[in-house]
Amino acid sequence: MRYRDAKKLHNEDQVRVKKTGQVLSVVETAVTPKTVTVLCDNGEKYHHTEIE
């Protein structure tokens, strides 16, 4: 996912992990100038490039 799309994510939005294809819900996002970290309902944090 691109940075500009990832920073628009809201709680409970659905995302898919690129590596596994698993669909997860967003719990929280942390936006920095070059990175978006997404905490999902499985307890894992993902970099914005790891999800779609």
PDB file of N, CA and C in Angstrom:
ATOM      1  N   MET A   1       0.851  -1.168   0.000  1.00  0.00           N
ATOM      2  CA  MET A   1       0.000   0.000   0.000  1.00  0.00           C
ATOM      3  C   MET A   1       0.901   1.236   0.000  1.00  0.00           C
ATOM      4  N   ARG A   2       0.478   2.239  -0.713  1.00  0.00           N
ATOM      5  CA  ARG A   2       1.248   3.475  -0.761  1.00  0.00           C
ATOM      6  C   ARG A   2       1.052   4.280   0.520  1.00  0.00           C
ATOM      7  N   TYR A   3       2.049   5.085   0.850  1.00  0.00           N
ATOM      8  CA  TYR A   3       2.033   5.908   2.061  1.00  0.00           C
ATOM      9  C   TYR A   3       0.789   6.782   2.124  1.00  0.00           C
ATOM     10  N   ARG A   4       0.484   7.453   1.024  1.00  0.00           N
ATOM     11  CA  ARG A   4      -0.651   8.385   1.055  1.00  0.00           C
ATOM     12  C   ARG A   4      -1.985   7.668   1.253  1.00  0.00           C
ATOM     13  N   ASP A   5      -2.091   6.413   0.815  1.00  0.00           N
ATOM     14  CA  ASP A   5      -3.308   5.640   1.056  1.00  0.00           C
ATOM     15  C   ASP A   5      -3.335   5.105   2.485  1.00  0.00           C
ATOM     16  N   ALA A   6      -2.181   4.674   2.981  1.00  0.00           N
ATOM     17  CA  ALA A   6      -2.097   4.093   4.321  1.00  0.00           C
ATOM     18  C   ALA A   6      -2.414   5.118   5.408  1.00  0.00           C
ATOM     19  N   LYS A   7      -2.020   6.353   5.212  1.00  0.00           N
ATOM     20  CA  LYS A   7      -2.277   7.347   6.259  1.00  0.00           C
ATOM     21  C   LYS A   7      -3.751   7.725   6.349  1.00  0.00           C
ATOM     22  N   LYS A   8      -4.565   7.292   5.406  1.00  0.00           N
ATOM     23  CA  LYS A   8      -6.006   7.539   5.434  1.00  0.00           C
ATOM     24  C   LYS A   8      -6.786   6.402   6.090  1.00  0.00           C
ATOM     25  N   LEU A   9      -6.094   5.349   6.528  1.00  0.00           N
ATOM     26  CA  LEU A   9      -6.775   4.214   7.156  1.00  0.00           C
ATOM     27  C   LEU A   9      -7.411   4.624   8.477  1.00  0.00           C
ATOM     28  N   HIS A  10      -8.546   4.036   8.769  1.00  0.00           N
ATOM     29  CA  HIS A  10      -9.271   4.290  10.015  1.00  0.00           C
ATOM     30  C   HIS A  10      -9.453   2.972  10.757  1.00  0.00           C
ATOM     31  N   ASN A  11      -9.785   3.073  12.032  1.00  0.00           N
ATOM     32  CA  ASN A  11     -10.046   1.880  12.828  1.00  0.00           C
ATOM     33  C   ASN A  11     -11.141   1.043  12.177  1.00  0.00           C
ATOM     34  N   GLU A  12     -10.943  -0.261  12.216  1.00  0.00           N
ATOM     35  CA  GLU A  12     -11.858  -1.266  11.686  1.00  0.00           C
ATOM     36  C   GLU A  12     -11.884  -1.351  10.164  1.00  0.00           C
ATOM     37  N   ASP A  13     -11.006  -0.618   9.461  1.00  0.00           N
ATOM     38  CA  ASP A  13     -10.848  -0.824   8.024  1.00  0.00           C
ATOM     39  C   ASP A  13     -10.230  -2.199   7.800  1.00  0.00           C
ATOM     40  N   GLN A  14     -10.529  -2.813   6.687  1.00  0.00           N
ATOM     41  CA  GLN A  14      -9.986  -4.129   6.360  1.00  0.00           C
ATOM     42  C   GLN A  14      -8.743  -3.970   5.496  1.00  0.00           C
ATOM     43  N   VAL A  15      -7.681  -4.694   5.853  1.00  0.00           N
ATOM     44  CA  VAL A  15      -6.452  -4.726   5.060  1.00  0.00           C
ATOM     45  C   VAL A  15      -6.056  -6.183   4.852  1.00  0.00           C
ATOM     46  N   ARG A  16      -5.254  -6.430   3.822  1.00  0.00           N
ATOM     47  CA  ARG A  16      -4.771  -7.780   3.528  1.00  0.00           C
ATOM     48  C   ARG A  16      -3.246  -7.780   3.617  1.00  0.00           C
ATOM     49  N   VAL A  17      -2.702  -8.771   4.329  1.00  0.00           N
ATOM     50  CA  VAL A  17      -1.251  -8.928   4.434  1.00  0.00           C
ATOM     51  C   VAL A  17      -0.762  -9.530   3.125  1.00  0.00           C
ATOM     52  N   LYS A  18       0.189  -8.885   2.471  1.00  0.00           N
ATOM     53  CA  LYS A  18       0.669  -9.338   1.165  1.00  0.00           C
ATOM     54  C   LYS A  18       1.275 -10.737   1.222  1.00  0.00           C
ATOM     55  N   LYS A  19       2.067 -11.030   2.253  1.00  0.00           N
ATOM     56  CA  LYS A  19       2.769 -12.303   2.341  1.00  0.00           C
ATOM     57  C   LYS A  19       1.835 -13.494   2.531  1.00  0.00           C
ATOM     58  N   THR A  20       0.824 -13.345   3.394  1.00  0.00           N
ATOM     59  CA  THR A  20      -0.028 -14.481   3.756  1.00  0.00           C
ATOM     60  C   THR A  20      -1.410 -14.429   3.118  1.00  0.00           C
ATOM     61  N   GLY A  21      -1.845 -13.246   2.692  1.00  0.00           N
ATOM     62  CA  GLY A  21      -3.184 -13.100   2.142  1.00  0.00           C
ATOM     63  C   GLY A  21      -4.260 -12.988   3.205  1.00  0.00           C
ATOM     64  N   GLN A  22      -3.851 -12.943   4.460  1.00  0.00           N
ATOM     65  CA  GLN A  22      -4.793 -12.860   5.577  1.00  0.00           C
ATOM     66  C   GLN A  22      -5.449 -11.486   5.622  1.00  0.00           C
ATOM     67  N   VAL A  23      -6.772 -11.460   5.831  1.00  0.00           N
ATOM     68  CA  VAL A  23      -7.515 -10.210   5.936  1.00  0.00           C
ATOM     69  C   VAL A  23      -7.670  -9.868   7.410  1.00  0.00           C
ATOM     70  N   LEU A  24      -7.274  -8.639   7.763  1.00  0.00           N
ATOM     71  CA  LEU A  24      -7.288  -8.202   9.154  1.00  0.00           C
ATOM     72  C   LEU A  24      -7.976  -6.856   9.277  1.00  0.00           C
ATOM     73  N   SER A  25      -8.377  -6.524  10.499  1.00  0.00           N
ATOM     74  CA  SER A  25      -8.967  -5.219  10.787  1.00  0.00           C
ATOM     75  C   SER A  25      -7.920  -4.318  11.418  1.00  0.00           C
ATOM     76  N   VAL A  26      -7.964  -3.045  11.074  1.00  0.00           N
ATOM     77  CA  VAL A  26      -7.041  -2.061  11.627  1.00  0.00           C
ATOM     78  C   VAL A  26      -7.504  -1.680  13.031  1.00  0.00           C
ATOM     79  N   VAL A  27      -6.569  -1.697  13.976  1.00  0.00           N
ATOM     80  CA  VAL A  27      -6.863  -1.273  15.350  1.00  0.00           C
ATOM     81  C   VAL A  27      -6.350   0.143  15.573  1.00  0.00           C
ATOM     82  N   GLU A  28      -5.139   0.430  15.044  1.00  0.00           N
ATOM     83  CA  GLU A  28      -4.518   1.731  15.258  1.00  0.00           C
ATOM     84  C   GLU A  28      -3.480   1.987  14.176  1.00  0.00           C
ATOM     85  N   THR A  29      -3.288   3.246  13.818  1.00  0.00           N
ATOM     86  CA  THR A  29      -2.230   3.608  12.878  1.00  0.00           C
ATOM     87  C   THR A  29      -1.316   4.637  13.526  1.00  0.00           C
ATOM     88  N   ALA A  30      -0.033   4.565  13.201  1.00  0.00           N
ATOM     89  CA  ALA A  30       0.948   5.536  13.668  1.00  0.00           C
ATOM     90  C   ALA A  30       1.628   6.109  12.425  1.00  0.00           C
ATOM     91  N   VAL A  31       1.461   7.415  12.219  1.00  0.00           N
ATOM     92  CA  VAL A  31       1.974   8.072  11.016  1.00  0.00           C
ATOM     93  C   VAL A  31       3.206   8.902  11.372  1.00  0.00           C
ATOM     94  N   THR A  32       4.296   8.672  10.655  1.00  0.00           N
ATOM     95  CA  THR A  32       5.504   9.491  10.740  1.00  0.00           C
ATOM     96  C   THR A  32       5.738  10.073   9.355  1.00  0.00           C
ATOM     97  N   PRO A  33       6.689  10.994   9.199  1.00  0.00           N
ATOM     98  CA  PRO A  33       6.867  11.620   7.879  1.00  0.00           C
ATOM     99  C   PRO A  33       7.112  10.664   6.707  1.00  0.00           C
ATOM    100  N   LYS A  34       7.677   9.480   6.926  1.00  0.00           N
ATOM    101  CA  LYS A  34       7.951   8.577   5.815  1.00  0.00           C
ATOM    102  C   LYS A  34       7.356   7.191   5.969  1.00  0.00           C
ATOM    103  N   THR A  35       6.730   6.906   7.103  1.00  0.00           N
ATOM    104  CA  THR A  35       6.257   5.556   7.388  1.00  0.00           C
ATOM    105  C   THR A  35       4.901   5.582   8.067  1.00  0.00           C
ATOM    106  N   VAL A  36       4.080   4.589   7.742  1.00  0.00           N
ATOM    107  CA  VAL A  36       2.843   4.357   8.476  1.00  0.00           C
ATOM    108  C   VAL A  36       2.932   2.945   9.057  1.00  0.00           C
ATOM    109  N   THR A  37       2.788   2.839  10.365  1.00  0.00           N
ATOM    110  CA  THR A  37       2.765   1.554  11.031  1.00  0.00           C
ATOM    111  C   THR A  37       1.323   1.256  11.406  1.00  0.00           C
ATOM    112  N   VAL A  38       0.867   0.066  11.049  1.00  0.00           N
ATOM    113  CA  VAL A  38      -0.525  -0.305  11.249  1.00  0.00           C
ATOM    114  C   VAL A  38      -0.607  -1.465  12.245  1.00  0.00           C
ATOM    115  N   LEU A  39      -1.303  -1.249  13.353  1.00  0.00           N
ATOM    116  CA  LEU A  39      -1.551  -2.306  14.322  1.00  0.00           C
ATOM    117  C   LEU A  39      -2.869  -2.964  13.942  1.00  0.00           C
ATOM    118  N   CYS A  40      -2.839  -4.287  13.804  1.00  0.00           N
ATOM    119  CA  CYS A  40      -4.026  -5.018  13.376  1.00  0.00           C
ATOM    120  C   CYS A  40      -4.601  -5.844  14.528  1.00  0.00           C
ATOM    121  N   ASP A  41      -5.788  -6.403  14.314  1.00  0.00           N
ATOM    122  CA  ASP A  41      -6.490  -7.130  15.361  1.00  0.00           C
ATOM    123  C   ASP A  41      -5.826  -8.440  15.767  1.00  0.00           C
ATOM    124  N   ASN A  42      -4.797  -8.873  15.058  1.00  0.00           N
ATOM    125  CA  ASN A  42      -4.061 -10.072  15.462  1.00  0.00           C
ATOM    126  C   ASN A  42      -2.903  -9.729  16.399  1.00  0.00           C
ATOM    127  N   GLY A  43      -2.758  -8.442  16.743  1.00  0.00           N
ATOM    128  CA  GLY A  43      -1.718  -7.996  17.656  1.00  0.00           C
ATOM    129  C   GLY A  43      -0.397  -7.669  16.997  1.00  0.00           C
ATOM    130  N   GLU A  44      -0.299  -7.815  15.690  1.00  0.00           N
ATOM    131  CA  GLU A  44       0.936  -7.554  14.949  1.00  0.00           C
ATOM    132  C   GLU A  44       0.921  -6.144  14.366  1.00  0.00           C
ATOM    133  N   LYS A  45       2.131  -5.562  14.272  1.00  0.00           N
ATOM    134  CA  LYS A  45       2.296  -4.265  13.616  1.00  0.00           C
ATOM    135  C   LYS A  45       2.881  -4.503  12.237  1.00  0.00           C
ATOM    136  N   TYR A  46       2.354  -3.786  11.242  1.00  0.00           N
ATOM    137  CA  TYR A  46       2.800  -3.937   9.867  1.00  0.00           C
ATOM    138  C   TYR A  46       3.215  -2.583   9.297  1.00  0.00           C
ATOM    139  N   HIS A  47       4.286  -2.593   8.513  1.00  0.00           N
ATOM    140  CA  HIS A  47       4.715  -1.422   7.756  1.00  0.00           C
ATOM    141  C   HIS A  47       3.730  -1.266   6.598  1.00  0.00           C
ATOM    142  N   HIS A  48       3.487  -0.054   6.151  1.00  0.00           N
ATOM    143  CA  HIS A  48       2.479   0.170   5.124  1.00  0.00           C
ATOM    144  C   HIS A  48       2.765  -0.562   3.810  1.00  0.00           C
ATOM    145  N   THR A  49       4.027  -0.923   3.558  1.00  0.00           N
ATOM    146  CA  THR A  49       4.339  -1.647   2.323  1.00  0.00           C
ATOM    147  C   THR A  49       4.029  -3.151   2.428  1.00  0.00           C
ATOM    148  N   GLU A  50       3.756  -3.640   3.634  1.00  0.00           N
ATOM    149  CA  GLU A  50       3.472  -5.064   3.842  1.00  0.00           C
ATOM    150  C   GLU A  50       1.991  -5.405   3.685  1.00  0.00           C
ATOM    151  N   ILE A  51       1.147  -4.389   3.508  1.00  0.00           N
ATOM    152  CA  ILE A  51      -0.299  -4.622   3.402  1.00  0.00           C
ATOM    153  C   ILE A  51      -0.835  -4.035   2.108  1.00  0.00           C
ATOM    154  N   GLU A  52      -2.014  -4.476   1.740  1.00  0.00           N
ATOM    155  CA  GLU A  52      -2.703  -3.922   0.561  1.00  0.00           C
ATOM    156  C   GLU A  52      -4.129  -3.606   0.907  1.00  0.00           C
TER     157      GLU A  52
END
